Amino acid sequence: MKKILLFALLFVSTVAFSQTQRVSTRNEIGEWSEITKKWFYGDMNYASITITFGKNYVSMDNRAESYYQIFEDQGEDNGTNRQGISYTSHSWRAYDKSGRKCILSMIRYNNDTYENLFTVMYDDVIFRYYYSIKSTDKFNQ
């Protein structure tokens, strides 16, 4: 009986604390222009950054050791980009480790030639992290 209870406890704790990780290989920073009402992006940066998605947080192993505590799920959205490629996105409102509010989004394009995106958006700056999902990935979303 003890073995069954121990097994059940281990199973529940493993499921409850499961995480998903993605590795971004490219990223860029954009700034909002009040004049044009558009985002303007700087040069593409190349670095391997692991993004860990927990139940109520997202953390990254970048230089800033970014950490975001999710406080509101904004749900899923579907749309089409300027090139006519459809996508599905999911967004959350969060606090960063400095207590600033931001919006986190995961965007998955319905086209194999497009990389998926994870974005962190503040009022005047956005960070975009590109990543690919292998077809064999057990967390393929």
N, C-alpha and C. Protein backbone atom coordinates (compact mmCIF):
# COMPACT_ATOMS: atom_id res chain seq x y z
N MET A 1 0.82 -1.19 0.00
CA MET A 1 0.00 0.00 0.00
C MET A 1 0.87 1.25 0.00
N LYS A 2 1.95 1.24 0.79
CA LYS A 2 2.84 2.39 0.84
C LYS A 2 3.47 2.66 -0.52
N LYS A 3 3.81 1.59 -1.23
CA LYS A 3 4.42 1.74 -2.55
C LYS A 3 3.44 2.39 -3.52
N ILE A 4 2.19 2.01 -3.44
CA ILE A 4 1.17 2.60 -4.32
C ILE A 4 1.00 4.08 -4.02
N LEU A 5 0.94 4.43 -2.75
CA LEU A 5 0.80 5.84 -2.37
C LEU A 5 2.03 6.65 -2.79
N LEU A 6 3.21 6.06 -2.61
CA LEU A 6 4.44 6.74 -3.02
C LEU A 6 4.45 6.96 -4.53
N PHE A 7 4.09 5.94 -5.28
CA PHE A 7 4.03 6.05 -6.74
C PHE A 7 3.03 7.13 -7.15
N ALA A 8 1.86 7.14 -6.54
CA ALA A 8 0.84 8.14 -6.86
C ALA A 8 1.34 9.55 -6.56
N LEU A 9 2.00 9.71 -5.42
CA LEU A 9 2.55 11.02 -5.03
C LEU A 9 3.62 11.47 -6.03
N LEU A 10 4.51 10.59 -6.42
CA LEU A 10 5.54 10.93 -7.40
C LEU A 10 4.93 11.29 -8.74
N PHE A 11 3.93 10.55 -9.17
CA PHE A 11 3.27 10.83 -10.43
C PHE A 11 2.61 12.20 -10.42
N VAL A 12 1.86 12.51 -9.37
CA VAL A 12 1.17 13.80 -9.26
C VAL A 12 2.18 14.93 -9.19
N SER A 13 3.25 14.78 -8.42
CA SER A 13 4.25 15.85 -8.31
C SER A 13 4.98 16.07 -9.63
N THR A 14 5.23 15.02 -10.38
CA THR A 14 5.89 15.16 -11.68
C THR A 14 4.99 15.91 -12.64
N VAL A 15 3.72 15.57 -12.70
CA VAL A 15 2.78 16.25 -13.59
C VAL A 15 2.57 17.69 -13.14
N ALA A 16 2.44 17.92 -11.86
CA ALA A 16 2.17 19.26 -11.33
C ALA A 16 3.33 20.22 -11.58
N PHE A 17 4.55 19.71 -11.59
CA PHE A 17 5.70 20.59 -11.74
C PHE A 17 6.36 20.44 -13.11
N SER A 18 5.63 19.97 -14.09
CA SER A 18 6.22 19.80 -15.41
C SER A 18 6.48 21.15 -16.06
N GLN A 19 7.48 21.17 -16.88
CA GLN A 19 7.89 22.38 -17.58
C GLN A 19 8.08 22.04 -19.04
N THR A 20 8.00 23.08 -19.85
CA THR A 20 8.30 22.96 -21.26
C THR A 20 9.45 23.91 -21.55
N GLN A 21 10.41 23.47 -22.32
CA GLN A 21 11.51 24.34 -22.69
C GLN A 21 11.61 24.47 -24.19
N ARG A 22 11.97 25.67 -24.62
CA ARG A 22 12.24 25.97 -26.02
C ARG A 22 13.60 26.65 -26.07
N VAL A 23 14.32 26.46 -27.16
CA VAL A 23 15.61 27.12 -27.33
C VAL A 23 15.51 28.10 -28.48
N SER A 24 15.70 29.36 -28.16
CA SER A 24 15.71 30.42 -29.16
C SER A 24 17.13 30.57 -29.69
N THR A 25 17.27 30.70 -30.99
CA THR A 25 18.60 30.88 -31.59
C THR A 25 18.78 32.28 -32.15
N ARG A 26 17.69 33.01 -32.29
CA ARG A 26 17.75 34.39 -32.80
C ARG A 26 16.80 35.25 -31.98
N ASN A 27 17.16 36.51 -31.81
CA ASN A 27 16.27 37.43 -31.12
C ASN A 27 16.51 38.85 -31.60
N GLU A 28 15.53 39.69 -31.37
CA GLU A 28 15.65 41.09 -31.77
C GLU A 28 14.83 41.96 -30.84
N ILE A 29 15.18 43.24 -30.80
CA ILE A 29 14.51 44.21 -29.96
C ILE A 29 13.86 45.25 -30.86
N GLY A 30 12.60 45.57 -30.56
CA GLY A 30 11.90 46.60 -31.31
C GLY A 30 11.48 47.74 -30.40
N GLU A 31 11.44 48.93 -30.97
CA GLU A 31 10.99 50.11 -30.23
C GLU A 31 9.76 50.68 -30.91
N TRP A 32 8.82 51.15 -30.09
CA TRP A 32 7.57 51.71 -30.58
C TRP A 32 7.78 53.17 -30.96
N SER A 33 7.29 53.55 -32.15
CA SER A 33 7.36 54.94 -32.60
C SER A 33 5.99 55.57 -32.43
N GLU A 34 5.92 56.60 -31.61
CA GLU A 34 4.66 57.33 -31.42
C GLU A 34 4.28 58.09 -32.69
N ILE A 35 5.26 58.43 -33.52
CA ILE A 35 4.99 59.19 -34.74
C ILE A 35 4.33 58.30 -35.79
N THR A 36 4.93 57.13 -36.07
CA THR A 36 4.40 56.25 -37.11
C THR A 36 3.42 55.21 -36.59
N LYS A 37 3.38 55.04 -35.27
CA LYS A 37 2.54 54.00 -34.64
C LYS A 37 2.91 52.60 -35.13
N LYS A 38 4.22 52.36 -35.26
CA LYS A 38 4.74 51.06 -35.70
C LYS A 38 5.95 50.69 -34.85
N TRP A 39 6.25 49.38 -34.84
CA TRP A 39 7.46 48.89 -34.19
C TRP A 39 8.61 48.96 -35.18
N PHE A 40 9.79 49.39 -34.71
CA PHE A 40 11.01 49.40 -35.50
C PHE A 40 12.02 48.50 -34.82
N TYR A 41 12.54 47.53 -35.58
CA TYR A 41 13.42 46.51 -35.03
C TYR A 41 14.87 46.78 -35.37
N GLY A 42 15.74 46.48 -34.42
CA GLY A 42 17.18 46.62 -34.62
C GLY A 42 17.73 45.38 -35.30
N ASP A 43 19.04 45.24 -35.24
CA ASP A 43 19.72 44.11 -35.86
C ASP A 43 19.34 42.80 -35.16
N MET A 44 19.39 41.73 -35.92
CA MET A 44 19.13 40.40 -35.38
C MET A 44 20.33 39.98 -34.54
N ASN A 45 20.05 39.43 -33.37
CA ASN A 45 21.08 38.89 -32.48
C ASN A 45 21.03 37.38 -32.53
N TYR A 46 22.19 36.74 -32.46
CA TYR A 46 22.26 35.28 -32.51
C TYR A 46 22.83 34.77 -31.19
N ALA A 47 22.02 34.01 -30.46
CA ALA A 47 22.44 33.43 -29.20
C ALA A 47 21.50 32.28 -28.86
N SER A 48 22.01 31.28 -28.20
CA SER A 48 21.19 30.16 -27.77
C SER A 48 20.63 30.50 -26.38
N ILE A 49 19.33 30.72 -26.30
CA ILE A 49 18.68 31.10 -25.06
C ILE A 49 17.58 30.08 -24.77
N THR A 50 17.66 29.44 -23.62
CA THR A 50 16.63 28.48 -23.22
C THR A 50 15.51 29.23 -22.53
N ILE A 51 14.29 29.01 -23.00
CA ILE A 51 13.10 29.61 -22.42
C ILE A 51 12.33 28.49 -21.73
N THR A 52 12.09 28.64 -20.43
CA THR A 52 11.38 27.62 -19.66
C THR A 52 9.99 28.13 -19.32
N PHE A 53 8.98 27.35 -19.69
CA PHE A 53 7.60 27.69 -19.44
C PHE A 53 7.07 26.83 -18.31
N GLY A 54 6.81 27.44 -17.18
CA GLY A 54 6.20 26.75 -16.05
C GLY A 54 4.71 27.04 -16.04
N LYS A 55 4.03 26.57 -15.04
CA LYS A 55 2.58 26.77 -14.97
C LYS A 55 2.21 28.24 -14.83
N ASN A 56 2.92 28.98 -13.98
CA ASN A 56 2.61 30.39 -13.73
C ASN A 56 3.80 31.31 -13.92
N TYR A 57 4.79 30.86 -14.66
CA TYR A 57 5.97 31.70 -14.87
C TYR A 57 6.66 31.32 -16.17
N VAL A 58 7.52 32.22 -16.62
CA VAL A 58 8.42 31.97 -17.74
C VAL A 58 9.78 32.48 -17.30
N SER A 59 10.82 31.68 -17.50
CA SER A 59 12.17 32.14 -17.18
C SER A 59 13.07 31.90 -18.38
N MET A 60 14.17 32.66 -18.43
CA MET A 60 15.09 32.56 -19.55
C MET A 60 16.52 32.56 -19.03
N ASP A 61 17.41 31.87 -19.74
CA ASP A 61 18.81 31.83 -19.31
C ASP A 61 19.64 32.86 -20.08
N ASN A 62 19.04 34.01 -20.40
CA ASN A 62 19.77 35.08 -21.07
C ASN A 62 20.63 35.84 -20.07
N ARG A 63 21.38 36.83 -20.56
CA ARG A 63 22.27 37.61 -19.67
C ARG A 63 21.52 38.25 -18.52
N ALA A 64 20.30 38.71 -18.78
CA ALA A 64 19.50 39.38 -17.75
C ALA A 64 18.83 38.40 -16.79
N GLU A 65 18.92 37.10 -17.09
CA GLU A 65 18.25 36.07 -16.30
C GLU A 65 16.77 36.44 -16.11
N SER A 66 16.11 36.69 -17.22
CA SER A 66 14.72 37.17 -17.21
C SER A 66 13.79 36.18 -16.53
N TYR A 67 12.85 36.73 -15.78
CA TYR A 67 11.86 35.93 -15.08
C TYR A 67 10.54 36.71 -15.10
N TYR A 68 9.45 36.02 -15.48
CA TYR A 68 8.14 36.65 -15.58
C TYR A 68 7.12 35.83 -14.81
N GLN A 69 6.42 36.47 -13.89
CA GLN A 69 5.38 35.84 -13.09
C GLN A 69 4.03 36.15 -13.74
N ILE A 70 3.34 35.14 -14.22
CA ILE A 70 2.07 35.33 -14.92
C ILE A 70 0.96 35.57 -13.90
N PHE A 71 0.13 36.60 -14.18
CA PHE A 71 -1.01 36.86 -13.30
C PHE A 71 -2.35 36.84 -14.01
N GLU A 72 -2.35 36.78 -15.36
CA GLU A 72 -3.62 36.72 -16.09
C GLU A 72 -3.42 36.04 -17.43
N ASP A 73 -4.24 35.06 -17.71
CA ASP A 73 -4.25 34.37 -19.00
C ASP A 73 -5.18 35.13 -19.93
N GLN A 74 -4.65 35.64 -21.03
CA GLN A 74 -5.48 36.40 -21.97
C GLN A 74 -6.04 35.54 -23.10
N GLY A 75 -5.71 34.28 -23.09
CA GLY A 75 -6.32 33.36 -24.04
C GLY A 75 -5.65 33.30 -25.39
N GLU A 76 -6.34 32.60 -26.28
CA GLU A 76 -5.84 32.31 -27.61
C GLU A 76 -6.45 33.24 -28.65
N ASP A 77 -5.70 33.47 -29.72
CA ASP A 77 -6.17 34.31 -30.81
C ASP A 77 -5.68 33.69 -32.11
N ASN A 78 -6.41 33.90 -33.18
CA ASN A 78 -6.02 33.44 -34.50
C ASN A 78 -6.01 34.63 -35.44
N GLY A 79 -5.12 34.60 -36.42
CA GLY A 79 -5.06 35.70 -37.37
C GLY A 79 -4.23 35.34 -38.58
N THR A 80 -3.94 36.35 -39.38
CA THR A 80 -3.14 36.20 -40.58
C THR A 80 -2.14 37.34 -40.63
N ASN A 81 -0.87 37.04 -40.93
CA ASN A 81 0.13 38.10 -41.00
C ASN A 81 0.07 38.79 -42.37
N ARG A 82 0.94 39.77 -42.58
CA ARG A 82 0.93 40.55 -43.84
C ARG A 82 1.21 39.71 -45.07
N GLN A 83 1.90 38.59 -44.89
CA GLN A 83 2.22 37.69 -46.02
C GLN A 83 1.10 36.68 -46.26
N GLY A 84 0.04 36.74 -45.50
CA GLY A 84 -1.09 35.83 -45.68
C GLY A 84 -0.94 34.50 -44.96
N ILE A 85 0.03 34.38 -44.07
CA ILE A 85 0.25 33.14 -43.32
C ILE A 85 -0.59 33.19 -42.04
N SER A 86 -1.40 32.16 -41.82
CA SER A 86 -2.23 32.14 -40.62
C SER A 86 -1.39 31.73 -39.41
N TYR A 87 -1.82 32.18 -38.25
CA TYR A 87 -1.11 31.87 -37.02
C TYR A 87 -2.10 31.71 -35.87
N THR A 88 -1.62 31.09 -34.81
CA THR A 88 -2.34 30.98 -33.55
C THR A 88 -1.44 31.56 -32.49
N SER A 89 -1.99 32.39 -31.62
CA SER A 89 -1.18 32.97 -30.55
C SER A 89 -1.89 32.78 -29.22
N HIS A 90 -1.12 32.83 -28.16
CA HIS A 90 -1.65 32.78 -26.81
C HIS A 90 -0.88 33.81 -26.00
N SER A 91 -1.60 34.60 -25.20
CA SER A 91 -0.96 35.69 -24.46
C SER A 91 -1.29 35.63 -22.97
N TRP A 92 -0.37 36.18 -22.19
CA TRP A 92 -0.52 36.27 -20.75
C TRP A 92 -0.04 37.64 -20.30
N ARG A 93 -0.65 38.17 -19.26
CA ARG A 93 -0.14 39.38 -18.60
C ARG A 93 0.74 38.90 -17.46
N ALA A 94 1.87 39.60 -17.28
CA ALA A 94 2.85 39.14 -16.29
C ALA A 94 3.59 40.33 -15.69
N TYR A 95 4.29 40.04 -14.59
CA TYR A 95 5.23 40.98 -13.99
C TYR A 95 6.63 40.44 -14.25
N ASP A 96 7.56 41.33 -14.61
CA ASP A 96 8.94 40.88 -14.71
C ASP A 96 9.58 40.91 -13.33
N LYS A 97 10.84 40.54 -13.25
CA LYS A 97 11.47 40.44 -11.92
C LYS A 97 11.65 41.80 -11.24
N SER A 98 11.47 42.90 -12.00
CA SER A 98 11.52 44.25 -11.41
C SER A 98 10.14 44.77 -11.04
N GLY A 99 9.11 43.94 -11.27
CA GLY A 99 7.75 44.33 -10.94
C GLY A 99 7.03 45.11 -12.02
N ARG A 100 7.63 45.23 -13.21
CA ARG A 100 6.98 45.93 -14.31
C ARG A 100 6.00 45.01 -15.03
N LYS A 101 4.86 45.55 -15.44
CA LYS A 101 3.87 44.76 -16.18
C LYS A 101 4.31 44.63 -17.64
N CYS A 102 4.02 43.45 -18.20
CA CYS A 102 4.32 43.20 -19.60
C CYS A 102 3.33 42.17 -20.13
N ILE A 103 3.36 41.97 -21.43
CA ILE A 103 2.52 40.96 -22.07
C ILE A 103 3.44 39.93 -22.72
N LEU A 104 3.23 38.67 -22.38
CA LEU A 104 3.98 37.56 -22.96
C LEU A 104 3.09 36.91 -24.02
N SER A 105 3.68 36.54 -25.15
CA SER A 105 2.91 35.87 -26.21
C SER A 105 3.74 34.77 -26.85
N MET A 106 3.05 33.69 -27.19
CA MET A 106 3.64 32.64 -28.01
C MET A 106 2.85 32.63 -29.31
N ILE A 107 3.57 32.66 -30.43
CA ILE A 107 2.93 32.70 -31.73
C ILE A 107 3.43 31.53 -32.55
N ARG A 108 2.48 30.75 -33.05
CA ARG A 108 2.82 29.59 -33.89
C ARG A 108 2.20 29.79 -35.26
N TYR A 109 3.06 29.81 -36.28
CA TYR A 109 2.59 29.99 -37.65
C TYR A 109 2.21 28.64 -38.25
N ASN A 110 1.21 28.65 -39.08
CA ASN A 110 0.75 27.43 -39.75
C ASN A 110 1.47 27.27 -41.08
N ASN A 111 2.80 27.36 -41.02
CA ASN A 111 3.63 27.25 -42.20
C ASN A 111 5.01 26.79 -41.72
N ASP A 112 5.52 25.70 -42.27
CA ASP A 112 6.79 25.14 -41.81
C ASP A 112 8.00 26.03 -42.07
N THR A 113 7.89 27.00 -42.97
CA THR A 113 9.04 27.86 -43.26
C THR A 113 9.18 29.00 -42.26
N TYR A 114 8.18 29.21 -41.42
CA TYR A 114 8.23 30.27 -40.41
C TYR A 114 8.64 29.68 -39.07
N GLU A 115 9.52 30.40 -38.37
CA GLU A 115 9.85 30.02 -37.01
C GLU A 115 8.77 30.53 -36.07
N ASN A 116 8.61 29.86 -34.96
CA ASN A 116 7.66 30.31 -33.95
C ASN A 116 8.29 31.45 -33.14
N LEU A 117 7.44 32.21 -32.46
CA LEU A 117 7.91 33.38 -31.72
C LEU A 117 7.46 33.34 -30.27
N PHE A 118 8.32 33.81 -29.40
CA PHE A 118 7.95 34.14 -28.04
C PHE A 118 8.27 35.62 -27.90
N THR A 119 7.30 36.43 -27.46
CA THR A 119 7.53 37.86 -27.34
C THR A 119 7.27 38.34 -25.92
N VAL A 120 8.01 39.36 -25.54
CA VAL A 120 7.82 40.06 -24.27
C VAL A 120 7.62 41.53 -24.65
N MET A 121 6.41 42.05 -24.39
CA MET A 121 6.09 43.40 -24.83
C MET A 121 5.78 44.31 -23.65
N TYR A 122 6.48 45.44 -23.64
CA TYR A 122 6.21 46.53 -22.71
C TYR A 122 5.54 47.64 -23.52
N ASP A 123 5.26 48.79 -22.89
CA ASP A 123 4.60 49.88 -23.61
C ASP A 123 5.39 50.37 -24.81
N ASP A 124 6.72 50.46 -24.69
CA ASP A 124 7.52 51.08 -25.74
C ASP A 124 8.64 50.21 -26.29
N VAL A 125 8.74 48.96 -25.84
CA VAL A 125 9.79 48.06 -26.33
C VAL A 125 9.25 46.63 -26.37
N ILE A 126 9.73 45.88 -27.36
CA ILE A 126 9.32 44.48 -27.50
C ILE A 126 10.56 43.64 -27.77
N PHE A 127 10.60 42.48 -27.15
CA PHE A 127 11.68 41.51 -27.35
C PHE A 127 11.08 40.31 -28.06
N ARG A 128 11.66 39.93 -29.20
CA ARG A 128 11.16 38.77 -29.95
C ARG A 128 12.23 37.69 -29.97
N TYR A 129 11.81 36.47 -29.62
CA TYR A 129 12.70 35.31 -29.58
C TYR A 129 12.15 34.27 -30.55
N TYR A 130 12.96 33.88 -31.52
CA TYR A 130 12.56 32.92 -32.54
C TYR A 130 13.01 31.52 -32.14
N TYR A 131 12.14 30.53 -32.36
CA TYR A 131 12.51 29.15 -32.06
C TYR A 131 11.77 28.22 -33.01
N SER A 132 12.33 27.04 -33.19
CA SER A 132 11.72 26.02 -34.03
C SER A 132 11.30 24.85 -33.15
N ILE A 133 10.29 24.14 -33.60
CA ILE A 133 9.85 22.93 -32.91
C ILE A 133 10.07 21.76 -33.85
N LYS A 134 10.77 20.77 -33.37
CA LYS A 134 10.98 19.57 -34.16
C LYS A 134 9.71 18.74 -34.13
N SER A 135 9.42 18.05 -35.21
CA SER A 135 8.20 17.24 -35.28
C SER A 135 8.20 16.13 -34.25
N THR A 136 9.37 15.76 -33.74
CA THR A 136 9.44 14.69 -32.74
C THR A 136 9.34 15.23 -31.32
N ASP A 137 9.24 16.54 -31.16
CA ASP A 137 9.16 17.16 -29.84
C ASP A 137 7.86 16.74 -29.15
N LYS A 138 7.97 16.15 -27.96
CA LYS A 138 6.77 15.66 -27.26
C LYS A 138 5.88 16.80 -26.78
N PHE A 139 6.39 18.03 -26.74
CA PHE A 139 5.60 19.18 -26.35
C PHE A 139 5.13 19.98 -27.55
N ASN A 140 5.16 19.39 -28.73
CA ASN A 140 4.78 20.10 -29.95
C ASN A 140 3.39 20.68 -29.78
N GLN A 141 3.29 21.99 -29.90
CA GLN A 141 2.02 22.68 -29.67
C GLN A 141 1.50 23.23 -30.97
